[in-house]
Amino acid sequence: MKKFEEMIIQEIKELSGMDAKPFFEKGIVQVTEARKWIVKQRYNELSKTTMRLSDIKADLSERYAISVSAIEKMIYQQKSEENDTK
């Protein structure tokens, strides 16, 4: 198992309490989809702190090897979906 994938599995365990390793091993969960979920969770978590939103996006971009614009799309899509359900 790759180091990045192991980090993703550990992050899922920290955030949800679930052991995701069997799901990765069986191919049920892909790293890219898991990474998106983690980035959204971490963004929501960090946005409640005093950290600037641009700093949050830059930190997540570096930590999870994803562009800032991709993070913005994920976050704004999430916000749009939340507003649509109200």
PDB file of N, CA and C in Angstrom:
ATOM      1  N   MET A   1       0.843  -1.174   0.000  1.00  0.00           N
ATOM      2  CA  MET A   1       0.000   0.000   0.000  1.00  0.00           C
ATOM      3  C   MET A   1       0.893   1.243   0.000  1.00  0.00           C
ATOM      4  N   LYS A   2       0.522   2.210  -0.799  1.00  0.00           N
ATOM      5  CA  LYS A   2       1.331   3.422  -0.933  1.00  0.00           C
ATOM      6  C   LYS A   2       1.206   4.304   0.312  1.00  0.00           C
ATOM      7  N   LYS A   3       2.244   5.098   0.511  1.00  0.00           N
ATOM      8  CA  LYS A   3       2.297   5.967   1.688  1.00  0.00           C
ATOM      9  C   LYS A   3       1.137   6.965   1.711  1.00  0.00           C
ATOM     10  N   PHE A   4       0.817   7.566   0.548  1.00  0.00           N
ATOM     11  CA  PHE A   4      -0.281   8.538   0.481  1.00  0.00           C
ATOM     12  C   PHE A   4      -1.611   7.861   0.817  1.00  0.00           C
ATOM     13  N   GLU A   5      -1.800   6.659   0.291  1.00  0.00           N
ATOM     14  CA  GLU A   5      -3.031   5.913   0.559  1.00  0.00           C
ATOM     15  C   GLU A   5      -3.141   5.580   2.044  1.00  0.00           C
ATOM     16  N   GLU A   6      -2.040   5.225   2.665  1.00  0.00           N
ATOM     17  CA  GLU A   6      -2.036   4.942   4.100  1.00  0.00           C
ATOM     18  C   GLU A   6      -2.395   6.189   4.896  1.00  0.00           C
ATOM     19  N   MET A   7      -1.891   7.355   4.453  1.00  0.00           N
ATOM     20  CA  MET A   7      -2.225   8.605   5.121  1.00  0.00           C
ATOM     21  C   MET A   7      -3.728   8.878   5.010  1.00  0.00           C
ATOM     22  N   ILE A   8      -4.296   8.632   3.831  1.00  0.00           N
ATOM     23  CA  ILE A   8      -5.728   8.851   3.611  1.00  0.00           C
ATOM     24  C   ILE A   8      -6.542   7.932   4.525  1.00  0.00           C
ATOM     25  N   ILE A   9      -6.143   6.683   4.630  1.00  0.00           N
ATOM     26  CA  ILE A   9      -6.838   5.725   5.490  1.00  0.00           C
ATOM     27  C   ILE A   9      -6.792   6.181   6.949  1.00  0.00           C
ATOM     28  N   GLN A  10      -5.636   6.668   7.380  1.00  0.00           N
ATOM     29  CA  GLN A  10      -5.487   7.159   8.751  1.00  0.00           C
ATOM     30  C   GLN A  10      -6.362   8.385   8.992  1.00  0.00           C
ATOM     31  N   GLU A  11      -6.431   9.283   8.014  1.00  0.00           N
ATOM     32  CA  GLU A  11      -7.264  10.485   8.133  1.00  0.00           C
ATOM     33  C   GLU A  11      -8.742  10.119   8.264  1.00  0.00           C
ATOM     34  N   ILE A  12      -9.178   9.144   7.476  1.00  0.00           N
ATOM     35  CA  ILE A  12     -10.570   8.693   7.556  1.00  0.00           C
ATOM     36  C   ILE A  12     -10.856   8.144   8.950  1.00  0.00           C
ATOM     37  N   LYS A  13      -9.914   7.387   9.478  1.00  0.00           N
ATOM     38  CA  LYS A  13     -10.084   6.835  10.826  1.00  0.00           C
ATOM     39  C   LYS A  13     -10.192   7.952  11.861  1.00  0.00           C
ATOM     40  N   GLU A  14      -9.358   8.983  11.730  1.00  0.00           N
ATOM     41  CA  GLU A  14      -9.404  10.115  12.657  1.00  0.00           C
ATOM     42  C   GLU A  14     -10.726  10.866  12.564  1.00  0.00           C
ATOM     43  N   LEU A  15     -11.208  11.063  11.351  1.00  0.00           N
ATOM     44  CA  LEU A  15     -12.415  11.860  11.149  1.00  0.00           C
ATOM     45  C   LEU A  15     -13.711  11.102  11.419  1.00  0.00           C
ATOM     46  N   SER A  16     -13.723   9.806  11.115  1.00  0.00           N
ATOM     47  CA  SER A  16     -14.976   9.058  11.220  1.00  0.00           C
ATOM     48  C   SER A  16     -14.955   7.928  12.237  1.00  0.00           C
ATOM     49  N   GLY A  17     -13.760   7.512  12.643  1.00  0.00           N
ATOM     50  CA  GLY A  17     -13.645   6.383  13.554  1.00  0.00           C
ATOM     51  C   GLY A  17     -13.725   5.033  12.847  1.00  0.00           C
ATOM     52  N   MET A  18     -13.823   5.058  11.523  1.00  0.00           N
ATOM     53  CA  MET A  18     -13.956   3.821  10.739  1.00  0.00           C
ATOM     54  C   MET A  18     -12.606   3.387  10.173  1.00  0.00           C
ATOM     55  N   ASP A  19     -12.413   2.085  10.090  1.00  0.00           N
ATOM     56  CA  ASP A  19     -11.229   1.537   9.439  1.00  0.00           C
ATOM     57  C   ASP A  19     -11.564   1.350   7.962  1.00  0.00           C
ATOM     58  N   ALA A  20     -11.017   2.196   7.116  1.00  0.00           N
ATOM     59  CA  ALA A  20     -11.336   2.171   5.689  1.00  0.00           C
ATOM     60  C   ALA A  20     -10.439   1.229   4.892  1.00  0.00           C
ATOM     61  N   LYS A  21      -9.426   0.671   5.517  1.00  0.00           N
ATOM     62  CA  LYS A  21      -8.453  -0.159   4.790  1.00  0.00           C
ATOM     63  C   LYS A  21      -9.101  -1.287   3.988  1.00  0.00           C
ATOM     64  N   PRO A  22     -10.050  -2.048   4.562  1.00  0.00           N
ATOM     65  CA  PRO A  22     -10.664  -3.122   3.765  1.00  0.00           C
ATOM     66  C   PRO A  22     -11.384  -2.603   2.517  1.00  0.00           C
ATOM     67  N   PHE A  23     -11.960  -1.402   2.593  1.00  0.00           N
ATOM     68  CA  PHE A  23     -12.663  -0.828   1.444  1.00  0.00           C
ATOM     69  C   PHE A  23     -11.693  -0.473   0.321  1.00  0.00           C
ATOM     70  N   PHE A  24     -10.512  -0.012   0.698  1.00  0.00           N
ATOM     71  CA  PHE A  24      -9.482   0.292  -0.301  1.00  0.00           C
ATOM     72  C   PHE A  24      -8.938  -0.994  -0.915  1.00  0.00           C
ATOM     73  N   GLU A  25      -8.702  -1.977  -0.076  1.00  0.00           N
ATOM     74  CA  GLU A  25      -8.153  -3.242  -0.556  1.00  0.00           C
ATOM     75  C   GLU A  25      -9.084  -3.944  -1.536  1.00  0.00           C
ATOM     76  N   LYS A  26     -10.388  -3.805  -1.335  1.00  0.00           N
ATOM     77  CA  LYS A  26     -11.366  -4.447  -2.216  1.00  0.00           C
ATOM     78  C   LYS A  26     -11.755  -3.563  -3.398  1.00  0.00           C
ATOM     79  N   GLY A  27     -11.237  -2.336  -3.425  1.00  0.00           N
ATOM     80  CA  GLY A  27     -11.522  -1.437  -4.535  1.00  0.00           C
ATOM     81  C   GLY A  27     -12.875  -0.754  -4.450  1.00  0.00           C
ATOM     82  N   ILE A  28     -13.508  -0.807  -3.303  1.00  0.00           N
ATOM     83  CA  ILE A  28     -14.816  -0.176  -3.116  1.00  0.00           C
ATOM     84  C   ILE A  28     -14.669   1.344  -3.049  1.00  0.00           C
ATOM     85  N   VAL A  29     -13.604   1.788  -2.409  1.00  0.00           N
ATOM     86  CA  VAL A  29     -13.329   3.220  -2.259  1.00  0.00           C
ATOM     87  C   VAL A  29     -12.043   3.549  -2.995  1.00  0.00           C
ATOM     88  N   GLN A  30     -12.083   4.617  -3.786  1.00  0.00           N
ATOM     89  CA  GLN A  30     -10.904   5.085  -4.509  1.00  0.00           C
ATOM     90  C   GLN A  30     -10.237   6.215  -3.718  1.00  0.00           C
ATOM     91  N   VAL A  31      -8.937   6.324  -3.833  1.00  0.00           N
ATOM     92  CA  VAL A  31      -8.177   7.343  -3.103  1.00  0.00           C
ATOM     93  C   VAL A  31      -8.665   8.743  -3.449  1.00  0.00           C
ATOM     94  N   THR A  32      -8.951   9.003  -4.715  1.00  0.00           N
ATOM     95  CA  THR A  32      -9.363  10.358  -5.118  1.00  0.00           C
ATOM     96  C   THR A  32     -10.680  10.764  -4.472  1.00  0.00           C
ATOM     97  N   GLU A  33     -11.622   9.850  -4.378  1.00  0.00           N
ATOM     98  CA  GLU A  33     -12.908  10.165  -3.753  1.00  0.00           C
ATOM     99  C   GLU A  33     -12.755  10.337  -2.245  1.00  0.00           C
ATOM    100  N   ALA A  34     -11.947   9.495  -1.641  1.00  0.00           N
ATOM    101  CA  ALA A  34     -11.698   9.608  -0.206  1.00  0.00           C
ATOM    102  C   ALA A  34     -10.997  10.931   0.106  1.00  0.00           C
ATOM    103  N   ARG A  35     -10.057  11.313  -0.743  1.00  0.00           N
ATOM    104  CA  ARG A  35      -9.333  12.574  -0.546  1.00  0.00           C
ATOM    105  C   ARG A  35     -10.300  13.754  -0.609  1.00  0.00           C
ATOM    106  N   LYS A  36     -11.235  13.724  -1.548  1.00  0.00           N
ATOM    107  CA  LYS A  36     -12.224  14.808  -1.651  1.00  0.00           C
ATOM    108  C   LYS A  36     -13.039  14.918  -0.363  1.00  0.00           C
ATOM    109  N   TRP A  37     -13.466  13.775   0.166  1.00  0.00           N
ATOM    110  CA  TRP A  37     -14.257  13.784   1.395  1.00  0.00           C
ATOM    111  C   TRP A  37     -13.442  14.362   2.550  1.00  0.00           C
ATOM    112  N   ILE A  38     -12.187  13.944   2.649  1.00  0.00           N
ATOM    113  CA  ILE A  38     -11.317  14.432   3.720  1.00  0.00           C
ATOM    114  C   ILE A  38     -11.093  15.932   3.600  1.00  0.00           C
ATOM    115  N   VAL A  39     -10.825  16.405   2.386  1.00  0.00           N
ATOM    116  CA  VAL A  39     -10.585  17.841   2.180  1.00  0.00           C
ATOM    117  C   VAL A  39     -11.813  18.640   2.604  1.00  0.00           C
ATOM    118  N   LYS A  40     -13.000  18.179   2.244  1.00  0.00           N
ATOM    119  CA  LYS A  40     -14.230  18.878   2.646  1.00  0.00           C
ATOM    120  C   LYS A  40     -14.378  18.895   4.164  1.00  0.00           C
ATOM    121  N   GLN A  41     -14.109  17.764   4.795  1.00  0.00           N
ATOM    122  CA  GLN A  41     -14.221  17.678   6.252  1.00  0.00           C
ATOM    123  C   GLN A  41     -13.213  18.607   6.933  1.00  0.00           C
ATOM    124  N   ARG A  42     -11.973  18.563   6.473  1.00  0.00           N
ATOM    125  CA  ARG A  42     -10.932  19.413   7.065  1.00  0.00           C
ATOM    126  C   ARG A  42     -11.212  20.899   6.820  1.00  0.00           C
ATOM    127  N   TYR A  43     -11.704  21.228   5.636  1.00  0.00           N
ATOM    128  CA  TYR A  43     -12.030  22.623   5.323  1.00  0.00           C
ATOM    129  C   TYR A  43     -13.114  23.124   6.284  1.00  0.00           C
ATOM    130  N   ASN A  44     -14.169  22.346   6.443  1.00  0.00           N
ATOM    131  CA  ASN A  44     -15.258  22.746   7.342  1.00  0.00           C
ATOM    132  C   ASN A  44     -14.761  22.884   8.776  1.00  0.00           C
ATOM    133  N   GLU A  45     -13.891  21.991   9.180  1.00  0.00           N
ATOM    134  CA  GLU A  45     -13.311  22.010  10.520  1.00  0.00           C
ATOM    135  C   GLU A  45     -12.458  23.273  10.715  1.00  0.00           C
ATOM    136  N   LEU A  46     -11.581  23.539   9.763  1.00  0.00           N
ATOM    137  CA  LEU A  46     -10.662  24.676   9.883  1.00  0.00           C
ATOM    138  C   LEU A  46     -11.349  26.028   9.679  1.00  0.00           C
ATOM    139  N   SER A  47     -12.445  26.036   8.915  1.00  0.00           N
ATOM    140  CA  SER A  47     -13.129  27.310   8.664  1.00  0.00           C
ATOM    141  C   SER A  47     -13.798  27.847   9.923  1.00  0.00           C
ATOM    142  N   LYS A  48     -13.947  27.016  10.923  1.00  0.00           N
ATOM    143  CA  LYS A  48     -14.536  27.451  12.197  1.00  0.00           C
ATOM    144  C   LYS A  48     -13.485  28.041  13.133  1.00  0.00           C
ATOM    145  N   THR A  49     -12.231  28.047  12.693  1.00  0.00           N
ATOM    146  CA  THR A  49     -11.146  28.618  13.487  1.00  0.00           C
ATOM    147  C   THR A  49     -10.881  30.040  12.995  1.00  0.00           C
ATOM    148  N   THR A  50      -9.855  30.650  13.526  1.00  0.00           N
ATOM    149  CA  THR A  50      -9.501  32.009  13.107  1.00  0.00           C
ATOM    150  C   THR A  50      -8.592  32.026  11.877  1.00  0.00           C
ATOM    151  N   MET A  51      -8.300  30.861  11.342  1.00  0.00           N
ATOM    152  CA  MET A  51      -7.437  30.752  10.165  1.00  0.00           C
ATOM    153  C   MET A  51      -8.139  31.350   8.942  1.00  0.00           C
ATOM    154  N   ARG A  52      -7.398  32.116   8.138  1.00  0.00           N
ATOM    155  CA  ARG A  52      -7.971  32.722   6.925  1.00  0.00           C
ATOM    156  C   ARG A  52      -8.316  31.635   5.916  1.00  0.00           C
ATOM    157  N   LEU A  53      -9.419  31.835   5.188  1.00  0.00           N
ATOM    158  CA  LEU A  53      -9.872  30.835   4.226  1.00  0.00           C
ATOM    159  C   LEU A  53      -8.833  30.578   3.141  1.00  0.00           C
ATOM    160  N   SER A  54      -8.139  31.620   2.699  1.00  0.00           N
ATOM    161  CA  SER A  54      -7.110  31.423   1.679  1.00  0.00           C
ATOM    162  C   SER A  54      -5.955  30.579   2.228  1.00  0.00           C
ATOM    163  N   ASP A  55      -5.630  30.748   3.500  1.00  0.00           N
ATOM    164  CA  ASP A  55      -4.583  29.939   4.132  1.00  0.00           C
ATOM    165  C   ASP A  55      -5.034  28.487   4.297  1.00  0.00           C
ATOM    166  N   ILE A  56      -6.303  28.305   4.609  1.00  0.00           N
ATOM    167  CA  ILE A  56      -6.850  26.946   4.736  1.00  0.00           C
ATOM    168  C   ILE A  56      -6.724  26.218   3.406  1.00  0.00           C
ATOM    169  N   LYS A  57      -7.141  26.880   2.335  1.00  0.00           N
ATOM    170  CA  LYS A  57      -7.090  26.254   1.006  1.00  0.00           C
ATOM    171  C   LYS A  57      -5.654  25.947   0.598  1.00  0.00           C
ATOM    172  N   ALA A  58      -4.739  26.855   0.888  1.00  0.00           N
ATOM    173  CA  ALA A  58      -3.328  26.634   0.545  1.00  0.00           C
ATOM    174  C   ALA A  58      -2.753  25.463   1.345  1.00  0.00           C
ATOM    175  N   ASP A  59      -3.089  25.392   2.618  1.00  0.00           N
ATOM    176  CA  ASP A  59      -2.611  24.299   3.466  1.00  0.00           C
ATOM    177  C   ASP A  59      -3.157  22.957   2.984  1.00  0.00           C
ATOM    178  N   LEU A  60      -4.442  22.897   2.709  1.00  0.00           N
ATOM    179  CA  LEU A  60      -5.052  21.649   2.234  1.00  0.00           C
ATOM    180  C   LEU A  60      -4.504  21.258   0.873  1.00  0.00           C
ATOM    181  N   SER A  61      -4.252  22.240   0.036  1.00  0.00           N
ATOM    182  CA  SER A  61      -3.695  21.988  -1.296  1.00  0.00           C
ATOM    183  C   SER A  61      -2.336  21.309  -1.186  1.00  0.00           C
ATOM    184  N   GLU A  62      -1.516  21.824  -0.316  1.00  0.00           N
ATOM    185  CA  GLU A  62      -0.178  21.260  -0.135  1.00  0.00           C
ATOM    186  C   GLU A  62      -0.236  19.891   0.529  1.00  0.00           C
ATOM    187  N   ARG A  63      -1.054  19.776   1.548  1.00  0.00           N
ATOM    188  CA  ARG A  63      -1.122  18.531   2.319  1.00  0.00           C
ATOM    189  C   ARG A  63      -1.682  17.362   1.508  1.00  0.00           C
ATOM    190  N   TYR A  64      -2.681  17.636   0.660  1.00  0.00           N
ATOM    191  CA  TYR A  64      -3.357  16.551  -0.052  1.00  0.00           C
ATOM    192  C   TYR A  64      -3.092  16.536  -1.551  1.00  0.00           C
ATOM    193  N   ALA A  65      -2.120  17.322  -2.018  1.00  0.00           N
ATOM    194  CA  ALA A  65      -1.705  17.326  -3.427  1.00  0.00           C
ATOM    195  C   ALA A  65      -2.899  17.552  -4.359  1.00  0.00           C
ATOM    196  N   ILE A  66      -3.616  18.630  -4.091  1.00  0.00           N
ATOM    197  CA  ILE A  66      -4.776  18.995  -4.898  1.00  0.00           C
ATOM    198  C   ILE A  66      -4.742  20.509  -5.085  1.00  0.00           C
ATOM    199  N   SER A  67      -5.158  20.987  -6.234  1.00  0.00           N
ATOM    200  CA  SER A  67      -5.060  22.421  -6.511  1.00  0.00           C
ATOM    201  C   SER A  67      -6.068  23.223  -5.683  1.00  0.00           C
ATOM    202  N   VAL A  68      -5.737  24.477  -5.445  1.00  0.00           N
ATOM    203  CA  VAL A  68      -6.631  25.373  -4.716  1.00  0.00           C
ATOM    204  C   VAL A  68      -7.948  25.520  -5.473  1.00  0.00           C
ATOM    205  N   SER A  69      -7.877  25.622  -6.792  1.00  0.00           N
ATOM    206  CA  SER A  69      -9.115  25.770  -7.571  1.00  0.00           C
ATOM    207  C   SER A  69      -9.999  24.527  -7.447  1.00  0.00           C
ATOM    208  N   ALA A  70      -9.413  23.348  -7.372  1.00  0.00           N
ATOM    209  CA  ALA A  70     -10.200  22.120  -7.182  1.00  0.00           C
ATOM    210  C   ALA A  70     -10.868  22.128  -5.805  1.00  0.00           C
ATOM    211  N   ILE A  71     -10.157  22.619  -4.805  1.00  0.00           N
ATOM    212  CA  ILE A  71     -10.731  22.724  -3.461  1.00  0.00           C
ATOM    213  C   ILE A  71     -11.891  23.707  -3.478  1.00  0.00           C
ATOM    214  N   GLU A  72     -11.714  24.836  -4.135  1.00  0.00           N
ATOM    215  CA  GLU A  72     -12.797  25.822  -4.225  1.00  0.00           C
ATOM    216  C   GLU A  72     -14.021  25.229  -4.899  1.00  0.00           C
ATOM    217  N   LYS A  73     -13.820  24.479  -5.972  1.00  0.00           N
ATOM    218  CA  LYS A  73     -14.952  23.842  -6.658  1.00  0.00           C
ATOM    219  C   LYS A  73     -15.682  22.887  -5.726  1.00  0.00           C
ATOM    220  N   MET A  74     -14.931  22.084  -4.967  1.00  0.00           N
ATOM    221  CA  MET A  74     -15.545  21.141  -4.031  1.00  0.00           C
ATOM    222  C   MET A  74     -16.371  21.868  -2.981  1.00  0.00           C
ATOM    223  N   ILE A  75     -15.794  22.924  -2.417  1.00  0.00           N
ATOM    224  CA  ILE A  75     -16.440  23.648  -1.328  1.00  0.00           C
ATOM    225  C   ILE A  75     -17.672  24.380  -1.836  1.00  0.00           C
ATOM    226  N   TYR A  76     -17.545  25.085  -2.959  1.00  0.00           N
ATOM    227  CA  TYR A  76     -18.681  25.839  -3.470  1.00  0.00           C
ATOM    228  C   TYR A  76     -19.773  24.924  -3.985  1.00  0.00           C
ATOM    229  N   GLN A  77     -19.409  23.763  -4.522  1.00  0.00           N
ATOM    230  CA  GLN A  77     -20.398  22.785  -4.952  1.00  0.00           C
ATOM    231  C   GLN A  77     -21.151  22.263  -3.727  1.00  0.00           C
ATOM    232  N   GLN A  78     -20.424  22.002  -2.652  1.00  0.00           N
ATOM    233  CA  GLN A  78     -21.026  21.520  -1.416  1.00  0.00           C
ATOM    234  C   GLN A  78     -22.002  22.567  -0.875  1.00  0.00           C
ATOM    235  N   LYS A  79     -21.599  23.838  -0.854  1.00  0.00           N
ATOM    236  CA  LYS A  79     -22.451  24.905  -0.356  1.00  0.00           C
ATOM    237  C   LYS A  79     -23.694  25.048  -1.234  1.00  0.00           C
ATOM    238  N   SER A  80     -23.525  24.935  -2.537  1.00  0.00           N
ATOM    239  CA  SER A  80     -24.640  25.030  -3.472  1.00  0.00           C
ATOM    240  C   SER A  80     -25.644  23.893  -3.249  1.00  0.00           C
ATOM    241  N   GLU A  81     -25.139  22.682  -3.031  1.00  0.00           N
ATOM    242  CA  GLU A  81     -26.014  21.535  -2.773  1.00  0.00           C
ATOM    243  C   GLU A  81     -26.757  21.703  -1.468  1.00  0.00           C
ATOM    244  N   GLU A  82     -26.106  22.270  -0.458  1.00  0.00           N
ATOM    245  CA  GLU A  82     -26.767  22.505   0.829  1.00  0.00           C
ATOM    246  C   GLU A  82     -27.888  23.519   0.665  1.00  0.00           C
ATOM    247  N   ASN A  83     -27.654  24.560  -0.128  1.00  0.00           N
ATOM    248  CA  ASN A  83     -28.680  25.588  -0.351  1.00  0.00           C
ATOM    249  C   ASN A  83     -29.844  25.042  -1.172  1.00  0.00           C
ATOM    250  N   ASP A  84     -29.572  24.122  -2.094  1.00  0.00           N
ATOM    251  CA  ASP A  84     -30.629  23.535  -2.925  1.00  0.00           C
ATOM    252  C   ASP A  84     -31.593  22.674  -2.116  1.00  0.00           C
ATOM    253  N   THR A  85     -31.099  22.090  -1.021  1.00  0.00           N
ATOM    254  CA  THR A  85     -31.943  21.206  -0.227  1.00  0.00           C
ATOM    255  C   THR A  85     -32.782  21.966   0.802  1.00  0.00           C
ATOM    256  N   LYS A  86     -32.542  23.249   0.934  1.00  0.00           N
ATOM    257  CA  LYS A  86     -33.311  24.053   1.923  1.00  0.00           C
ATOM    258  C   LYS A  86     -34.608  24.516   1.346  1.00  0.00           C
TER     259      LYS A  86
END
